[in-house]
Amino acid sequence: MNLASSYMFLALAVLLGVTSNSFAKSAEGFTILFPSVITAITIVACMYALSIVMKNIPMGITYASFAGLTIIATVVVGIIRFNQVPNLYSIIGLAFIVIGVLMVNLLANN
C-alpha cells in the first residue's frame, strides 16, 4: 500500500470516528438501541482503518492526525446537527489543534 492509500484510510477513519461520536450522543448513554449499534459498528471499523494506516505511517503520527482531524470534524457536526457553537476560547484551542496536525504531518521527519 502506498502513502496516498494510507491517507485515504486515515480520512475513512476520521469519517467513521465522527460518525461514532455523533451516534454516541444520540444513543443517550447507550439506552437507545439503533444509535448504540451504529456507534459500536463504526468505532470498530474506525480502529480497523487506523490499523491499516499504521502499516505505512508511524503510530504517533497516525493517531495525532486522526485525533486532531476527528475533533475538528466532530465540532463541525456539533455545530450543524446539535447547534453547539463553540466560544472564542474553544475556537482558539481548535486552531491550535489544526496547527499541530499540520506541523506533525508537514514538518515532522516521518
PDB file of N, CA and C in Angstrom:
ATOM      1  N   MET A   1       0.838  -1.172   0.000  1.00  0.00           N
ATOM      2  CA  MET A   1       0.000   0.000   0.000  1.00  0.00           C
ATOM      3  C   MET A   1       0.887   1.240   0.000  1.00  0.00           C
ATOM      4  N   ASN A   2       0.518   2.225  -0.809  1.00  0.00           N
ATOM      5  CA  ASN A   2       1.318   3.445  -0.886  1.00  0.00           C
ATOM      6  C   ASN A   2       0.816   4.488   0.113  1.00  0.00           C
ATOM      7  N   LEU A   3       1.542   5.586   0.212  1.00  0.00           N
ATOM      8  CA  LEU A   3       1.237   6.629   1.177  1.00  0.00           C
ATOM      9  C   LEU A   3      -0.123   7.270   0.903  1.00  0.00           C
ATOM     10  N   ALA A   4      -0.474   7.455  -0.365  1.00  0.00           N
ATOM     11  CA  ALA A   4      -1.772   8.047  -0.709  1.00  0.00           C
ATOM     12  C   ALA A   4      -2.917   7.169  -0.211  1.00  0.00           C
ATOM     13  N   SER A   5      -2.777   5.866  -0.361  1.00  0.00           N
ATOM     14  CA  SER A   5      -3.807   4.945   0.135  1.00  0.00           C
ATOM     15  C   SER A   5      -3.909   5.010   1.650  1.00  0.00           C
ATOM     16  N   SER A   6      -2.786   5.154   2.307  1.00  0.00           N
ATOM     17  CA  SER A   6      -2.797   5.271   3.769  1.00  0.00           C
ATOM     18  C   SER A   6      -3.573   6.504   4.208  1.00  0.00           C
ATOM     19  N   TYR A   7      -3.354   7.618   3.512  1.00  0.00           N
ATOM     20  CA  TYR A   7      -4.089   8.835   3.868  1.00  0.00           C
ATOM     21  C   TYR A   7      -5.571   8.718   3.516  1.00  0.00           C
ATOM     22  N   MET A   8      -5.903   7.931   2.516  1.00  0.00           N
ATOM     23  CA  MET A   8      -7.330   7.681   2.216  1.00  0.00           C
ATOM     24  C   MET A   8      -7.967   6.886   3.360  1.00  0.00           C
ATOM     25  N   PHE A   9      -7.248   5.887   3.876  1.00  0.00           N
ATOM     26  CA  PHE A   9      -7.757   5.125   5.016  1.00  0.00           C
ATOM     27  C   PHE A   9      -7.829   6.005   6.269  1.00  0.00           C
ATOM     28  N   LEU A  10      -6.907   6.954   6.397  1.00  0.00           N
ATOM     29  CA  LEU A  10      -6.968   7.886   7.518  1.00  0.00           C
ATOM     30  C   LEU A  10      -8.228   8.746   7.419  1.00  0.00           C
ATOM     31  N   ALA A  11      -8.537   9.219   6.223  1.00  0.00           N
ATOM     32  CA  ALA A  11      -9.763  10.001   6.020  1.00  0.00           C
ATOM     33  C   ALA A  11     -10.995   9.157   6.351  1.00  0.00           C
ATOM     34  N   LEU A  12     -10.977   7.879   5.959  1.00  0.00           N
ATOM     35  CA  LEU A  12     -12.083   6.978   6.285  1.00  0.00           C
ATOM     36  C   LEU A  12     -12.197   6.803   7.793  1.00  0.00           C
ATOM     37  N   ALA A  13     -11.064   6.652   8.478  1.00  0.00           N
ATOM     38  CA  ALA A  13     -11.076   6.506   9.934  1.00  0.00           C
ATOM     39  C   ALA A  13     -11.664   7.750  10.591  1.00  0.00           C
ATOM     40  N   VAL A  14     -11.314   8.928  10.092  1.00  0.00           N
ATOM     41  CA  VAL A  14     -11.870  10.167  10.635  1.00  0.00           C
ATOM     42  C   VAL A  14     -13.374  10.202  10.426  1.00  0.00           C
ATOM     43  N   LEU A  15     -13.824   9.862   9.235  1.00  0.00           N
ATOM     44  CA  LEU A  15     -15.262   9.829   8.947  1.00  0.00           C
ATOM     45  C   LEU A  15     -15.981   8.859   9.885  1.00  0.00           C
ATOM     46  N   LEU A  16     -15.417   7.684  10.063  1.00  0.00           N
ATOM     47  CA  LEU A  16     -16.020   6.698  10.964  1.00  0.00           C
ATOM     48  C   LEU A  16     -15.977   7.166  12.415  1.00  0.00           C
ATOM     49  N   GLY A  17     -14.895   7.827  12.808  1.00  0.00           N
ATOM     50  CA  GLY A  17     -14.787   8.358  14.161  1.00  0.00           C
ATOM     51  C   GLY A  17     -15.825   9.432  14.438  1.00  0.00           C
ATOM     52  N   VAL A  18     -16.015  10.317  13.483  1.00  0.00           N
ATOM     53  CA  VAL A  18     -17.030  11.368  13.630  1.00  0.00           C
ATOM     54  C   VAL A  18     -18.426  10.748  13.678  1.00  0.00           C
ATOM     55  N   THR A  19     -18.647   9.747  12.851  1.00  0.00           N
ATOM     56  CA  THR A  19     -19.942   9.063  12.860  1.00  0.00           C
ATOM     57  C   THR A  19     -20.195   8.409  14.209  1.00  0.00           C
ATOM     58  N   SER A  20     -19.195   7.732  14.741  1.00  0.00           N
ATOM     59  CA  SER A  20     -19.376   7.078  16.043  1.00  0.00           C
ATOM     60  C   SER A  20     -19.623   8.105  17.143  1.00  0.00           C
ATOM     61  N   ASN A  21     -18.913   9.225  17.105  1.00  0.00           N
ATOM     62  CA  ASN A  21     -19.134  10.270  18.112  1.00  0.00           C
ATOM     63  C   ASN A  21     -20.539  10.846  18.017  1.00  0.00           C
ATOM     64  N   SER A  22     -20.985  11.087  16.812  1.00  0.00           N
ATOM     65  CA  SER A  22     -22.310  11.667  16.610  1.00  0.00           C
ATOM     66  C   SER A  22     -23.409  10.715  17.087  1.00  0.00           C
ATOM     67  N   PHE A  23     -23.281   9.447  16.732  1.00  0.00           N
ATOM     68  CA  PHE A  23     -24.288   8.475  17.166  1.00  0.00           C
ATOM     69  C   PHE A  23     -24.195   8.187  18.663  1.00  0.00           C
ATOM     70  N   ALA A  24     -23.001   8.312  19.254  1.00  0.00           N
ATOM     71  CA  ALA A  24     -22.871   8.129  20.703  1.00  0.00           C
ATOM     72  C   ALA A  24     -23.685   9.186  21.440  1.00  0.00           C
ATOM     73  N   LYS A  25     -23.684  10.420  20.919  1.00  0.00           N
ATOM     74  CA  LYS A  25     -24.505  11.479  21.516  1.00  0.00           C
ATOM     75  C   LYS A  25     -25.974  11.121  21.410  1.00  0.00           C
ATOM     76  N   SER A  26     -26.373  10.622  20.254  1.00  0.00           N
ATOM     77  CA  SER A  26     -27.777  10.262  20.029  1.00  0.00           C
ATOM     78  C   SER A  26     -28.199   9.028  20.816  1.00  0.00           C
ATOM     79  N   ALA A  27     -27.243   8.197  21.209  1.00  0.00           N
ATOM     80  CA  ALA A  27     -27.560   6.956  21.926  1.00  0.00           C
ATOM     81  C   ALA A  27     -27.970   7.207  23.373  1.00  0.00           C
ATOM     82  N   GLU A  28     -27.752   8.422  23.861  1.00  0.00           N
ATOM     83  CA  GLU A  28     -28.137   8.816  25.222  1.00  0.00           C
ATOM     84  C   GLU A  28     -27.682   7.797  26.261  1.00  0.00           C
ATOM     85  N   GLY A  29     -26.354   7.634  26.344  1.00  0.00           N
ATOM     86  CA  GLY A  29     -25.799   6.701  27.312  1.00  0.00           C
ATOM     87  C   GLY A  29     -26.062   5.247  26.963  1.00  0.00           C
ATOM     88  N   PHE A  30     -26.145   4.948  25.694  1.00  0.00           N
ATOM     89  CA  PHE A  30     -26.408   3.601  25.176  1.00  0.00           C
ATOM     90  C   PHE A  30     -27.745   3.050  25.670  1.00  0.00           C
ATOM     91  N   THR A  31     -28.723   3.934  25.792  1.00  0.00           N
ATOM     92  CA  THR A  31     -30.066   3.499  26.184  1.00  0.00           C
ATOM     93  C   THR A  31     -30.998   3.360  24.980  1.00  0.00           C
ATOM     94  N   ILE A  32     -30.560   3.822  23.825  1.00  0.00           N
ATOM     95  CA  ILE A  32     -31.365   3.709  22.599  1.00  0.00           C
ATOM     96  C   ILE A  32     -30.624   2.761  21.663  1.00  0.00           C
ATOM     97  N   LEU A  33     -31.305   1.709  21.220  1.00  0.00           N
ATOM     98  CA  LEU A  33     -30.665   0.603  20.512  1.00  0.00           C
ATOM     99  C   LEU A  33     -29.985   1.011  19.211  1.00  0.00           C
ATOM    100  N   PHE A  34     -30.708   1.621  18.270  1.00  0.00           N
ATOM    101  CA  PHE A  34     -30.145   1.871  16.938  1.00  0.00           C
ATOM    102  C   PHE A  34     -28.878   2.717  16.982  1.00  0.00           C
ATOM    103  N   PRO A  35     -28.888   3.890  17.627  1.00  0.00           N
ATOM    104  CA  PRO A  35     -27.633   4.654  17.647  1.00  0.00           C
ATOM    105  C   PRO A  35     -26.518   3.940  18.412  1.00  0.00           C
ATOM    106  N   SER A  36     -26.873   3.125  19.390  1.00  0.00           N
ATOM    107  CA  SER A  36     -25.859   2.366  20.136  1.00  0.00           C
ATOM    108  C   SER A  36     -25.169   1.354  19.239  1.00  0.00           C
ATOM    109  N   VAL A  37     -25.949   0.656  18.415  1.00  0.00           N
ATOM    110  CA  VAL A  37     -25.386  -0.336  17.493  1.00  0.00           C
ATOM    111  C   VAL A  37     -24.516   0.346  16.441  1.00  0.00           C
ATOM    112  N   ILE A  38     -24.991   1.454  15.893  1.00  0.00           N
ATOM    113  CA  ILE A  38     -24.205   2.190  14.889  1.00  0.00           C
ATOM    114  C   ILE A  38     -22.895   2.682  15.510  1.00  0.00           C
ATOM    115  N   THR A  39     -22.959   3.171  16.747  1.00  0.00           N
ATOM    116  CA  THR A  39     -21.743   3.614  17.439  1.00  0.00           C
ATOM    117  C   THR A  39     -20.736   2.476  17.544  1.00  0.00           C
ATOM    118  N   ALA A  40     -21.194   1.311  17.967  1.00  0.00           N
ATOM    119  CA  ALA A  40     -20.296   0.163  18.138  1.00  0.00           C
ATOM    120  C   ALA A  40     -19.683  -0.279  16.806  1.00  0.00           C
ATOM    121  N   ILE A  41     -20.497  -0.358  15.777  1.00  0.00           N
ATOM    122  CA  ILE A  41     -20.012  -0.799  14.469  1.00  0.00           C
ATOM    123  C   ILE A  41     -18.994   0.193  13.903  1.00  0.00           C
ATOM    124  N   THR A  42     -19.305   1.478  13.984  1.00  0.00           N
ATOM    125  CA  THR A  42     -18.409   2.469  13.384  1.00  0.00           C
ATOM    126  C   THR A  42     -17.099   2.609  14.162  1.00  0.00           C
ATOM    127  N   ILE A  43     -17.126   2.418  15.468  1.00  0.00           N
ATOM    128  CA  ILE A  43     -15.874   2.534  16.216  1.00  0.00           C
ATOM    129  C   ILE A  43     -14.956   1.348  15.923  1.00  0.00           C
ATOM    130  N   VAL A  44     -15.527   0.169  15.751  1.00  0.00           N
ATOM    131  CA  VAL A  44     -14.702  -0.997  15.384  1.00  0.00           C
ATOM    132  C   VAL A  44     -14.132  -0.806  13.977  1.00  0.00           C
ATOM    133  N   ALA A  45     -14.956  -0.350  13.041  1.00  0.00           N
ATOM    134  CA  ALA A  45     -14.482  -0.105  11.674  1.00  0.00           C
ATOM    135  C   ALA A  45     -13.414   0.985  11.660  1.00  0.00           C
ATOM    136  N   CYS A  46     -13.590   1.986  12.504  1.00  0.00           N
ATOM    137  CA  CYS A  46     -12.613   3.071  12.621  1.00  0.00           C
ATOM    138  C   CYS A  46     -11.260   2.521  13.074  1.00  0.00           C
ATOM    139  N   MET A  47     -11.253   1.699  14.087  1.00  0.00           N
ATOM    140  CA  MET A  47      -9.998   1.127  14.592  1.00  0.00           C
ATOM    141  C   MET A  47      -9.342   0.227  13.542  1.00  0.00           C
ATOM    142  N   TYR A  48     -10.154  -0.482  12.770  1.00  0.00           N
ATOM    143  CA  TYR A  48      -9.605  -1.303  11.684  1.00  0.00           C
ATOM    144  C   TYR A  48      -8.916  -0.407  10.648  1.00  0.00           C
ATOM    145  N   ALA A  49      -9.588   0.672  10.253  1.00  0.00           N
ATOM    146  CA  ALA A  49      -8.995   1.592   9.277  1.00  0.00           C
ATOM    147  C   ALA A  49      -7.693   2.179   9.809  1.00  0.00           C
ATOM    148  N   LEU A  50      -7.661   2.532  11.091  1.00  0.00           N
ATOM    149  CA  LEU A  50      -6.423   3.056  11.674  1.00  0.00           C
ATOM    150  C   LEU A  50      -5.305   2.018  11.665  1.00  0.00           C
ATOM    151  N   SER A  51      -5.657   0.764  11.890  1.00  0.00           N
ATOM    152  CA  SER A  51      -4.626  -0.274  11.870  1.00  0.00           C
ATOM    153  C   SER A  51      -4.017  -0.430  10.472  1.00  0.00           C
ATOM    154  N   ILE A  52      -4.816  -0.211   9.456  1.00  0.00           N
ATOM    155  CA  ILE A  52      -4.315  -0.247   8.074  1.00  0.00           C
ATOM    156  C   ILE A  52      -3.357   0.926   7.843  1.00  0.00           C
ATOM    157  N   VAL A  53      -3.744   2.102   8.323  1.00  0.00           N
ATOM    158  CA  VAL A  53      -2.908   3.293   8.150  1.00  0.00           C
ATOM    159  C   VAL A  53      -1.541   3.084   8.797  1.00  0.00           C
ATOM    160  N   MET A  54      -1.530   2.450   9.972  1.00  0.00           N
ATOM    161  CA  MET A  54      -0.283   2.293  10.722  1.00  0.00           C
ATOM    162  C   MET A  54       0.703   1.330  10.075  1.00  0.00           C
ATOM    163  N   LYS A  55       0.312   0.678   8.999  1.00  0.00           N
ATOM    164  CA  LYS A  55       1.264  -0.141   8.251  1.00  0.00           C
ATOM    165  C   LYS A  55       2.309   0.733   7.555  1.00  0.00           C
ATOM    166  N   ASN A  56       1.927   1.986   7.198  1.00  0.00           N
ATOM    167  CA  ASN A  56       2.829   2.868   6.455  1.00  0.00           C
ATOM    168  C   ASN A  56       3.183   4.159   7.167  1.00  0.00           C
ATOM    169  N   ILE A  57       2.339   4.592   8.082  1.00  0.00           N
ATOM    170  CA  ILE A  57       2.575   5.855   8.773  1.00  0.00           C
ATOM    171  C   ILE A  57       2.813   5.517  10.243  1.00  0.00           C
ATOM    172  N   PRO A  58       3.834   6.105  10.868  1.00  0.00           N
ATOM    173  CA  PRO A  58       4.109   5.788  12.267  1.00  0.00           C
ATOM    174  C   PRO A  58       2.880   5.993  13.166  1.00  0.00           C
ATOM    175  N   MET A  59       2.793   5.170  14.202  1.00  0.00           N
ATOM    176  CA  MET A  59       1.633   5.166  15.088  1.00  0.00           C
ATOM    177  C   MET A  59       1.357   6.554  15.680  1.00  0.00           C
ATOM    178  N   GLY A  60       2.367   7.234  16.164  1.00  0.00           N
ATOM    179  CA  GLY A  60       2.173   8.546  16.774  1.00  0.00           C
ATOM    180  C   GLY A  60       1.631   9.566  15.798  1.00  0.00           C
ATOM    181  N   ILE A  61       2.170   9.563  14.593  1.00  0.00           N
ATOM    182  CA  ILE A  61       1.708  10.489  13.546  1.00  0.00           C
ATOM    183  C   ILE A  61       0.272  10.143  13.158  1.00  0.00           C
ATOM    184  N   THR A  62      -0.001   8.856  13.010  1.00  0.00           N
ATOM    185  CA  THR A  62      -1.350   8.412  12.645  1.00  0.00           C
ATOM    186  C   THR A  62      -2.359   8.869  13.674  1.00  0.00           C
ATOM    187  N   TYR A  63      -2.077   8.578  14.938  1.00  0.00           N
ATOM    188  CA  TYR A  63      -3.066   8.869  15.963  1.00  0.00           C
ATOM    189  C   TYR A  63      -3.207  10.366  16.213  1.00  0.00           C
ATOM    190  N   ALA A  64      -2.114  11.112  16.150  1.00  0.00           N
ATOM    191  CA  ALA A  64      -2.195  12.562  16.313  1.00  0.00           C
ATOM    192  C   ALA A  64      -3.042  13.176  15.194  1.00  0.00           C
ATOM    193  N   SER A  65      -2.821  12.715  13.981  1.00  0.00           N
ATOM    194  CA  SER A  65      -3.598  13.225  12.848  1.00  0.00           C
ATOM    195  C   SER A  65      -5.067  12.836  12.982  1.00  0.00           C
ATOM    196  N   PHE A  66      -5.304  11.561  13.306  1.00  0.00           N
ATOM    197  CA  PHE A  66      -6.670  11.070  13.471  1.00  0.00           C
ATOM    198  C   PHE A  66      -7.404  11.854  14.562  1.00  0.00           C
ATOM    199  N   ALA A  67      -6.780  11.981  15.704  1.00  0.00           N
ATOM    200  CA  ALA A  67      -7.437  12.645  16.831  1.00  0.00           C
ATOM    201  C   ALA A  67      -7.744  14.104  16.512  1.00  0.00           C
ATOM    202  N   GLY A  68      -6.763  14.811  15.980  1.00  0.00           N
ATOM    203  CA  GLY A  68      -6.965  16.218  15.665  1.00  0.00           C
ATOM    204  C   GLY A  68      -8.049  16.439  14.628  1.00  0.00           C
ATOM    205  N   LEU A  69      -7.978  15.692  13.547  1.00  0.00           N
ATOM    206  CA  LEU A  69      -8.976  15.847  12.483  1.00  0.00           C
ATOM    207  C   LEU A  69     -10.366  15.421  12.944  1.00  0.00           C
ATOM    208  N   THR A  70     -10.432  14.377  13.764  1.00  0.00           N
ATOM    209  CA  THR A  70     -11.721  13.918  14.265  1.00  0.00           C
ATOM    210  C   THR A  70     -12.326  14.954  15.214  1.00  0.00           C
ATOM    211  N   ILE A  71     -11.501  15.567  16.046  1.00  0.00           N
ATOM    212  CA  ILE A  71     -12.005  16.613  16.936  1.00  0.00           C
ATOM    213  C   ILE A  71     -12.590  17.764  16.130  1.00  0.00           C
ATOM    214  N   ILE A  72     -11.853  18.243  15.146  1.00  0.00           N
ATOM    215  CA  ILE A  72     -12.318  19.370  14.334  1.00  0.00           C
ATOM    216  C   ILE A  72     -13.616  19.006  13.612  1.00  0.00           C
ATOM    217  N   ALA A  73     -13.650  17.837  12.983  1.00  0.00           N
ATOM    218  CA  ALA A  73     -14.850  17.415  12.247  1.00  0.00           C
ATOM    219  C   ALA A  73     -16.037  17.206  13.183  1.00  0.00           C
ATOM    220  N   THR A  74     -15.779  16.687  14.392  1.00  0.00           N
ATOM    221  CA  THR A  74     -16.858  16.478  15.351  1.00  0.00           C
ATOM    222  C   THR A  74     -17.425  17.816  15.820  1.00  0.00           C
ATOM    223  N   VAL A  75     -16.581  18.816  15.979  1.00  0.00           N
ATOM    224  CA  VAL A  75     -17.068  20.152  16.339  1.00  0.00           C
ATOM    225  C   VAL A  75     -17.972  20.694  15.236  1.00  0.00           C
ATOM    226  N   VAL A  76     -17.577  20.504  13.990  1.00  0.00           N
ATOM    227  CA  VAL A  76     -18.398  20.965  12.864  1.00  0.00           C
ATOM    228  C   VAL A  76     -19.758  20.258  12.878  1.00  0.00           C
ATOM    229  N   VAL A  77     -19.754  18.946  13.105  1.00  0.00           N
ATOM    230  CA  VAL A  77     -21.014  18.206  13.192  1.00  0.00           C
ATOM    231  C   VAL A  77     -21.849  18.720  14.368  1.00  0.00           C
ATOM    232  N   GLY A  78     -21.190  18.995  15.496  1.00  0.00           N
ATOM    233  CA  GLY A  78     -21.895  19.527  16.652  1.00  0.00           C
ATOM    234  C   GLY A  78     -22.564  20.862  16.355  1.00  0.00           C
ATOM    235  N   ILE A  79     -21.881  21.698  15.594  1.00  0.00           N
ATOM    236  CA  ILE A  79     -22.449  22.992  15.212  1.00  0.00           C
ATOM    237  C   ILE A  79     -23.668  22.789  14.321  1.00  0.00           C
ATOM    238  N   ILE A  80     -23.517  21.937  13.300  1.00  0.00           N
ATOM    239  CA  ILE A  80     -24.578  21.744  12.308  1.00  0.00           C
ATOM    240  C   ILE A  80     -25.753  20.942  12.866  1.00  0.00           C
ATOM    241  N   ARG A  81     -25.460  19.826  13.507  1.00  0.00           N
ATOM    242  CA  ARG A  81     -26.517  18.886  13.900  1.00  0.00           C
ATOM    243  C   ARG A  81     -27.123  19.191  15.274  1.00  0.00           C
ATOM    244  N   PHE A  82     -26.292  19.660  16.204  1.00  0.00           N
ATOM    245  CA  PHE A  82     -26.761  19.838  17.578  1.00  0.00           C
ATOM    246  C   PHE A  82     -26.769  21.296  18.035  1.00  0.00           C
ATOM    247  N   ASN A  83     -26.450  22.216  17.121  1.00  0.00           N
ATOM    248  CA  ASN A  83     -26.440  23.652  17.415  1.00  0.00           C
ATOM    249  C   ASN A  83     -25.549  23.975  18.624  1.00  0.00           C
ATOM    250  N   GLN A  84     -24.374  23.349  18.676  1.00  0.00           N
ATOM    251  CA  GLN A  84     -23.413  23.555  19.759  1.00  0.00           C
ATOM    252  C   GLN A  84     -22.270  24.426  19.251  1.00  0.00           C
ATOM    253  N   VAL A  85     -22.468  25.723  19.321  1.00  0.00           N
ATOM    254  CA  VAL A  85     -21.488  26.666  18.787  1.00  0.00           C
ATOM    255  C   VAL A  85     -20.390  26.902  19.833  1.00  0.00           C
ATOM    256  N   PRO A  86     -19.118  26.701  19.465  1.00  0.00           N
ATOM    257  CA  PRO A  86     -18.029  26.912  20.424  1.00  0.00           C
ATOM    258  C   PRO A  86     -17.809  28.402  20.710  1.00  0.00           C
ATOM    259  N   ASN A  87     -17.303  28.693  21.907  1.00  0.00           N
ATOM    260  CA  ASN A  87     -16.984  30.086  22.249  1.00  0.00           C
ATOM    261  C   ASN A  87     -15.596  30.446  21.716  1.00  0.00           C
ATOM    262  N   LEU A  88     -15.190  31.664  21.959  1.00  0.00           N
ATOM    263  CA  LEU A  88     -13.923  32.165  21.418  1.00  0.00           C
ATOM    264  C   LEU A  88     -12.737  31.321  21.866  1.00  0.00           C
ATOM    265  N   TYR A  89     -12.691  30.966  23.150  1.00  0.00           N
ATOM    266  CA  TYR A  89     -11.566  30.192  23.657  1.00  0.00           C
ATOM    267  C   TYR A  89     -11.529  28.794  23.039  1.00  0.00           C
ATOM    268  N   SER A  90     -12.677  28.223  22.808  1.00  0.00           N
ATOM    269  CA  SER A  90     -12.732  26.918  22.142  1.00  0.00           C
ATOM    270  C   SER A  90     -12.217  27.017  20.708  1.00  0.00           C
ATOM    271  N   ILE A  91     -12.588  28.074  20.033  1.00  0.00           N
ATOM    272  CA  ILE A  91     -12.133  28.276  18.655  1.00  0.00           C
ATOM    273  C   ILE A  91     -10.612  28.439  18.616  1.00  0.00           C
ATOM    274  N   ILE A  92     -10.064  29.190  19.564  1.00  0.00           N
ATOM    275  CA  ILE A  92      -8.609  29.356  19.632  1.00  0.00           C
ATOM    276  C   ILE A  92      -7.934  28.004  19.877  1.00  0.00           C
ATOM    277  N   GLY A  93      -8.471  27.217  20.801  1.00  0.00           N
ATOM    278  CA  GLY A  93      -7.931  25.887  21.063  1.00  0.00           C
ATOM    279  C   GLY A  93      -8.006  24.989  19.848  1.00  0.00           C
ATOM    280  N   LEU A  94      -9.117  25.062  19.117  1.00  0.00           N
ATOM    281  CA  LEU A  94      -9.265  24.259  17.894  1.00  0.00           C
ATOM    282  C   LEU A  94      -8.257  24.692  16.832  1.00  0.00           C
ATOM    283  N   ALA A  95      -7.972  25.978  16.764  1.00  0.00           N
ATOM    284  CA  ALA A  95      -6.958  26.468  15.818  1.00  0.00           C
ATOM    285  C   ALA A  95      -5.587  25.881  16.158  1.00  0.00           C
ATOM    286  N   PHE A  96      -5.283  25.781  17.455  1.00  0.00           N
ATOM    287  CA  PHE A  96      -4.019  25.155  17.862  1.00  0.00           C
ATOM    288  C   PHE A  96      -3.973  23.682  17.456  1.00  0.00           C
ATOM    289  N   ILE A  97      -5.114  23.000  17.522  1.00  0.00           N
ATOM    290  CA  ILE A  97      -5.162  21.601  17.093  1.00  0.00           C
ATOM    291  C   ILE A  97      -4.849  21.500  15.603  1.00  0.00           C
ATOM    292  N   VAL A  98      -5.450  22.370  14.811  1.00  0.00           N
ATOM    293  CA  VAL A  98      -5.193  22.366  13.360  1.00  0.00           C
ATOM    294  C   VAL A  98      -3.717  22.638  13.091  1.00  0.00           C
ATOM    295  N   ILE A  99      -3.149  23.612  13.793  1.00  0.00           N
ATOM    296  CA  ILE A  99      -1.723  23.918  13.618  1.00  0.00           C
ATOM    297  C   ILE A  99      -0.874  22.704  13.984  1.00  0.00           C
ATOM    298  N   GLY A 100      -1.229  22.033  15.071  1.00  0.00           N
ATOM    299  CA  GLY A 100      -0.491  20.853  15.496  1.00  0.00           C
ATOM    300  C   GLY A 100      -0.546  19.725  14.484  1.00  0.00           C
ATOM    301  N   VAL A 101      -1.718  19.465  13.934  1.00  0.00           N
ATOM    302  CA  VAL A 101      -1.860  18.411  12.918  1.00  0.00           C
ATOM    303  C   VAL A 101      -1.019  18.759  11.690  1.00  0.00           C
ATOM    304  N   LEU A 102      -1.058  20.016  11.270  1.00  0.00           N
ATOM    305  CA  LEU A 102      -0.251  20.425  10.119  1.00  0.00           C
ATOM    306  C   LEU A 102       1.246  20.269  10.400  1.00  0.00           C
ATOM    307  N   MET A 103       1.667  20.678  11.594  1.00  0.00           N
ATOM    308  CA  MET A 103       3.087  20.551  11.940  1.00  0.00           C
ATOM    309  C   MET A 103       3.526  19.087  11.955  1.00  0.00           C
ATOM    310  N   VAL A 104       2.718  18.229  12.550  1.00  0.00           N
ATOM    311  CA  VAL A 104       3.073  16.810  12.635  1.00  0.00           C
ATOM    312  C   VAL A 104       3.185  16.202  11.245  1.00  0.00           C
ATOM    313  N   ASN A 105       2.298  16.561  10.349  1.00  0.00           N
ATOM    314  CA  ASN A 105       2.289  15.946   9.022  1.00  0.00           C
ATOM    315  C   ASN A 105       3.234  16.607   8.026  1.00  0.00           C
ATOM    316  N   LEU A 106       3.462  17.886   8.145  1.00  0.00           N
ATOM    317  CA  LEU A 106       4.255  18.587   7.139  1.00  0.00           C
ATOM    318  C   LEU A 106       5.697  18.845   7.560  1.00  0.00           C
ATOM    319  N   LEU A 107       5.928  18.975   8.857  1.00  0.00           N
ATOM    320  CA  LEU A 107       7.258  19.383   9.317  1.00  0.00           C
ATOM    321  C   LEU A 107       8.018  18.286  10.043  1.00  0.00           C
ATOM    322  N   ALA A 108       7.314  17.302  10.574  1.00  0.00           N
ATOM    323  CA  ALA A 108       7.996  16.235  11.308  1.00  0.00           C
ATOM    324  C   ALA A 108       8.726  15.309  10.334  1.00  0.00           C
ATOM    325  N   ASN A 109       9.821  14.751  10.774  1.00  0.00           N
ATOM    326  CA  ASN A 109      10.535  13.765   9.961  1.00  0.00           C
ATOM    327  C   ASN A 109       9.891  12.410  10.166  1.00  0.00           C
ATOM    328  N   ASN A 110       9.172  11.955   9.153  1.00  0.00           N
ATOM    329  CA  ASN A 110       8.497  10.660   9.258  1.00  0.00           C
ATOM    330  C   ASN A 110       9.484   9.593   8.946  1.00  0.00           C
TER     331      ASN A 110
END
